Protein backbone atom coordinates (compact mmCIF):
# COMPACT_ATOMS: atom_id res chain seq x y z
CA MET A 1 50.53 -79.25 -13.63
CA MET A 2 47.50 -77.73 -15.12
CA ARG A 3 46.38 -76.45 -11.80
CA PHE A 4 49.68 -74.80 -11.62
CA ALA A 5 48.87 -73.41 -15.13
CA GLY A 6 45.88 -71.92 -14.03
CA LYS A 7 47.26 -70.30 -10.91
CA LEU A 8 50.22 -68.85 -12.92
CA VAL A 9 47.77 -67.23 -15.54
CA ALA A 10 45.45 -66.16 -12.86
CA ALA A 11 48.25 -64.20 -11.22
CA LEU A 12 49.65 -62.61 -14.33
CA THR A 13 46.42 -61.61 -15.22
CA CYS A 14 45.96 -59.86 -11.68
CA ALA A 15 49.28 -58.06 -12.44
CA LEU A 16 47.77 -56.69 -15.31
CA ALA A 17 44.81 -55.60 -13.50
CA CYS A 18 46.60 -54.29 -10.71
CA SER A 19 49.05 -52.14 -12.93
CA GLN A 20 45.64 -50.40 -14.18
CA ALA A 21 45.07 -48.87 -10.71
CA LEU A 22 48.69 -47.57 -10.37
CA ALA A 23 48.79 -45.97 -14.14
CA GLY A 24 46.05 -43.81 -12.60
CA ARG A 25 43.96 -43.50 -15.89
CA GLN A 26 41.57 -45.71 -17.72
CA PRO A 27 43.06 -48.02 -20.09
CA GLU A 28 41.50 -49.85 -22.91
CA TRP A 29 41.76 -53.93 -23.14
CA SER A 30 41.77 -56.05 -26.41
CA ALA A 31 41.52 -59.66 -26.68
CA GLU A 32 42.68 -61.71 -29.53
CA VAL A 33 42.14 -65.48 -30.67
CA LEU A 34 44.41 -66.68 -33.37
CA ILE A 35 44.93 -69.88 -35.21
CA GLY A 36 47.93 -70.68 -37.59
CA ASP A 37 50.80 -72.95 -38.49
CA ALA A 38 54.71 -72.91 -37.83
CA PHE A 39 57.62 -73.69 -39.66
CA ASN A 40 60.52 -75.32 -37.27
CA LEU A 41 64.05 -74.60 -37.62
CA THR A 42 66.42 -77.69 -36.79
CA SER A 43 66.17 -78.22 -33.32
CA ARG A 44 68.73 -79.77 -30.88
CA THR A 45 67.34 -82.86 -29.39
CA HIS A 46 68.61 -84.99 -26.77
CA ILE A 47 66.95 -88.49 -26.13
CA HIS A 48 68.04 -90.56 -22.82
CA ASN A 49 66.68 -93.99 -23.18
CA VAL A 50 68.48 -97.34 -23.36
CA GLN A 51 66.95 -98.27 -26.76
CA VAL A 52 67.88 -95.07 -28.64
CA SER A 53 70.98 -94.41 -30.40
CA PRO A 54 72.29 -91.60 -31.14
CA ALA A 55 71.18 -89.81 -28.13
CA ALA A 56 71.88 -86.35 -29.81
CA PHE A 57 70.97 -84.98 -32.97
CA GLY A 58 69.42 -82.13 -34.97
CA GLY A 59 65.63 -82.62 -34.78
CA ASP A 60 63.55 -82.06 -38.01
CA TYR A 61 60.23 -81.05 -36.63
CA GLU A 62 56.60 -80.50 -38.18
CA THR A 63 53.59 -78.80 -36.57
CA ARG A 64 50.58 -79.76 -38.24
CA GLY A 65 48.80 -76.71 -37.35
CA PHE A 66 45.25 -77.16 -38.88
CA GLU A 67 45.29 -80.85 -37.35
CA GLY A 68 43.73 -81.45 -34.03
CA PRO A 69 44.62 -80.23 -31.57
CA LEU A 70 45.12 -76.98 -33.56
CA HIS A 71 47.90 -74.52 -33.41
CA TYR A 72 46.37 -71.43 -31.68
CA ALA A 73 47.14 -68.67 -29.54
CA TRP A 74 45.09 -66.00 -27.32
CA ARG A 75 46.27 -62.84 -25.54
CA LEU A 76 44.80 -60.21 -23.33
CA THR A 77 46.28 -56.81 -23.54
CA ARG A 78 46.00 -53.47 -21.52
CA TRP A 79 46.73 -50.66 -23.54
CA ASP A 80 47.74 -47.59 -22.34
CA ARG A 81 47.90 -45.31 -25.37
CA ASP A 82 50.16 -47.04 -27.98
CA ARG A 83 51.81 -49.12 -25.50
CA GLY A 84 50.58 -52.34 -23.61
CA TRP A 85 51.21 -54.95 -21.08
CA GLU A 86 49.98 -58.50 -22.06
CA LEU A 87 49.41 -62.07 -21.11
CA GLN A 88 49.62 -64.63 -23.92
CA LEU A 89 49.22 -68.49 -24.51
CA LEU A 90 50.76 -69.67 -27.63
CA HIS A 91 49.80 -73.62 -28.22
CA HIS A 92 52.88 -74.61 -30.27
CA LYS A 93 53.25 -78.50 -31.40
CA LEU A 94 56.20 -80.50 -32.40
CA TYR A 95 56.07 -83.74 -34.12
CA LEU A 96 59.56 -85.54 -34.94
CA ARG A 97 60.08 -86.67 -38.50
CA ASN A 98 63.74 -87.82 -38.58
CA ARG A 99 63.43 -90.40 -35.91
CA PRO A 100 66.32 -92.68 -34.78
CA ALA A 101 65.95 -96.40 -35.05
CA ALA A 102 63.66 -97.85 -32.33
CA VAL A 103 61.45 -94.37 -31.84
CA GLU A 104 58.26 -95.21 -33.42
CA ALA A 105 56.71 -91.62 -32.58
CA LEU A 106 57.84 -88.60 -30.56
CA SER A 107 55.98 -85.27 -30.19
CA ILE A 108 55.08 -82.69 -27.78
CA SER A 109 51.57 -82.40 -29.45
CA HIS A 110 49.48 -81.37 -26.63
CA GLY A 111 51.01 -78.77 -26.28
CA PHE A 112 54.71 -77.11 -26.17
CA ASN A 113 52.85 -74.32 -24.48
CA ILE A 114 54.42 -70.95 -24.55
CA VAL A 115 52.95 -68.63 -21.53
CA THR A 116 54.63 -65.14 -21.80
CA LEU A 117 54.22 -61.73 -20.07
CA GLY A 118 55.15 -59.28 -22.51
CA ARG A 119 55.09 -55.64 -24.38
CA ALA A 120 53.19 -54.57 -27.04
CA TYR A 121 53.56 -51.68 -29.34
CA ALA A 122 50.99 -49.95 -31.78
CA ARG A 123 51.82 -47.92 -34.67
CA GLY A 124 48.84 -47.23 -36.75
CA PRO A 125 47.52 -50.64 -38.07
CA TRP A 126 50.96 -52.26 -36.88
CA ARG A 127 51.62 -54.37 -33.81
CA LEU A 128 55.03 -55.06 -32.45
CA ARG A 129 55.20 -57.63 -29.60
CA PHE A 130 58.00 -59.18 -27.13
CA GLY A 131 57.60 -61.43 -24.47
CA LEU A 132 58.99 -63.99 -22.03
CA GLY A 133 57.82 -66.91 -19.99
CA PRO A 134 57.66 -70.75 -19.14
CA VAL A 135 57.12 -73.61 -21.55
CA ILE A 136 54.35 -75.97 -20.33
CA ALA A 137 54.54 -79.24 -22.15
CA HIS A 138 52.93 -82.30 -22.77
CA PRO A 139 55.17 -85.11 -24.49
CA GLU A 140 54.39 -88.11 -25.92
CA ALA A 141 56.33 -91.15 -27.30
CA ARG A 142 56.57 -94.81 -28.45
CA ILE A 143 59.92 -96.52 -28.50
CA ALA A 144 60.58 -100.10 -29.32
CA GLY A 145 56.93 -100.84 -28.62
CA VAL A 146 56.63 -99.23 -25.13
CA SER A 147 54.04 -96.10 -25.09
CA TYR A 148 54.81 -93.23 -23.02
CA PRO A 149 51.63 -91.08 -22.54
CA GLY A 150 53.12 -88.31 -20.52
CA GLY A 151 51.31 -85.38 -18.85
CA TYR A 152 51.42 -81.92 -18.39
CA GLU A 153 54.81 -80.34 -16.97
CA LEU A 154 56.48 -77.24 -16.42
CA ALA A 155 59.41 -78.15 -18.70
CA GLY A 156 61.42 -74.69 -19.59
CA ALA A 157 61.36 -71.32 -20.85
CA ALA A 158 60.95 -69.44 -23.91
CA ALA A 159 61.24 -66.08 -25.69
CA LEU A 160 59.04 -64.59 -28.65
CA GLY A 161 58.62 -61.47 -30.72
CA SER A 162 56.14 -60.76 -33.30
CA VAL A 163 54.80 -58.12 -35.98
CA GLY A 164 51.55 -57.97 -37.23
CA ALA A 165 48.68 -55.88 -38.55
CA LEU A 166 44.98 -55.19 -37.77
CA LEU A 167 42.33 -54.55 -40.20
CA SER A 168 39.33 -52.75 -38.62
CA LEU A 169 35.78 -54.23 -39.42
CA THR A 170 33.81 -52.26 -36.65
CA PRO A 171 34.82 -49.79 -33.74
CA ARG A 172 35.47 -52.59 -31.86
CA TRP A 173 36.38 -55.73 -33.82
CA SER A 174 39.40 -56.13 -36.02
CA ALA A 175 40.73 -59.21 -38.35
CA VAL A 176 44.34 -59.40 -37.15
CA GLY A 177 47.38 -61.38 -38.83
CA GLU A 178 50.97 -61.73 -37.70
CA ILE A 179 54.53 -63.47 -37.99
CA VAL A 180 55.85 -64.93 -34.89
CA ALA A 181 59.43 -65.80 -33.98
CA THR A 182 59.84 -68.10 -31.13
CA PHE A 183 62.80 -69.96 -29.05
CA GLY A 184 61.87 -72.44 -26.68
CA TYR A 185 63.71 -74.83 -24.59
CA ALA A 186 61.94 -77.84 -23.04
CA ASP A 187 63.28 -80.53 -20.91
CA VAL A 188 60.29 -83.47 -20.47
CA HIS A 189 60.27 -86.84 -18.66
CA PRO A 190 57.24 -88.74 -19.89
CA GLY A 191 56.11 -91.97 -17.61
CA GLY A 192 57.05 -95.45 -18.72
CA GLU A 193 59.67 -98.11 -18.32
CA PRO A 194 62.53 -98.10 -19.24
CA ASP A 195 62.88 -94.65 -18.39
CA LEU A 196 62.77 -91.69 -20.96
CA ARG A 197 63.95 -88.39 -20.91
CA PHE A 198 64.44 -86.07 -23.78
CA SER A 199 64.81 -82.14 -24.60
CA VAL A 200 64.51 -80.00 -27.42
CA ARG A 201 65.83 -76.56 -28.31
CA ASN A 202 63.10 -75.25 -30.59
CA PRO A 203 63.41 -72.11 -33.02
CA ALA A 204 59.95 -71.50 -35.33
CA LEU A 205 58.52 -69.02 -37.20
CA HIS A 206 54.74 -68.88 -36.92
CA ALA A 207 51.84 -67.59 -39.36
CA GLN A 208 48.89 -66.67 -37.74
CA PHE A 209 45.55 -64.85 -38.07
CA GLY A 210 42.43 -64.50 -36.24
CA ILE A 211 40.23 -61.70 -34.61
CA SER A 212 40.53 -58.98 -32.19
CA TYR A 213 38.04 -57.00 -29.96
CA ARG A 214 38.75 -54.25 -28.12
CA PHE A 215 36.85 -52.69 -24.95
């Protein structure tokens, strides 16, 4: 699955580069790396396992953004004046707090990874962004003493929108902060016996800060 994700990222990056030639002018690029945390709204959760009841409920999740692995994002944007196309990875995390009986732990902590191709708009120091793409998830669980280590899988889809601002530090370097709204769906199937499958519909608000480099 990580090999698939790598191919997906490479294909989307190639699409951005090819659009440069079609545009007929030399664009600018920016690369950004951010860290932060998230507030998760009630997330509809379905757990399919013979040892769990109820099977469907409103999940209360936390993100623990500053605990390893960190909550982070990176993006590459091709700018044409005040508009751009961009590729972004948002590494979101989910830890279930209101666990049903017999569920000792349930999380998507090594990534509720949202990979998006999106549009970016610049208005002075302000930045607006919108994107759509797949969710690549890494679930883990422990139910009635049985561990489900899981692995990376193409699990669903997500949409995001954000508003942020840049503070120039040098002609090329800037500090950046933003608020991001996401809605993602993942249906995951970590390995183990008895069989476990669970799905999450997760709306969340993320606060992020980081650094931007324009070239």
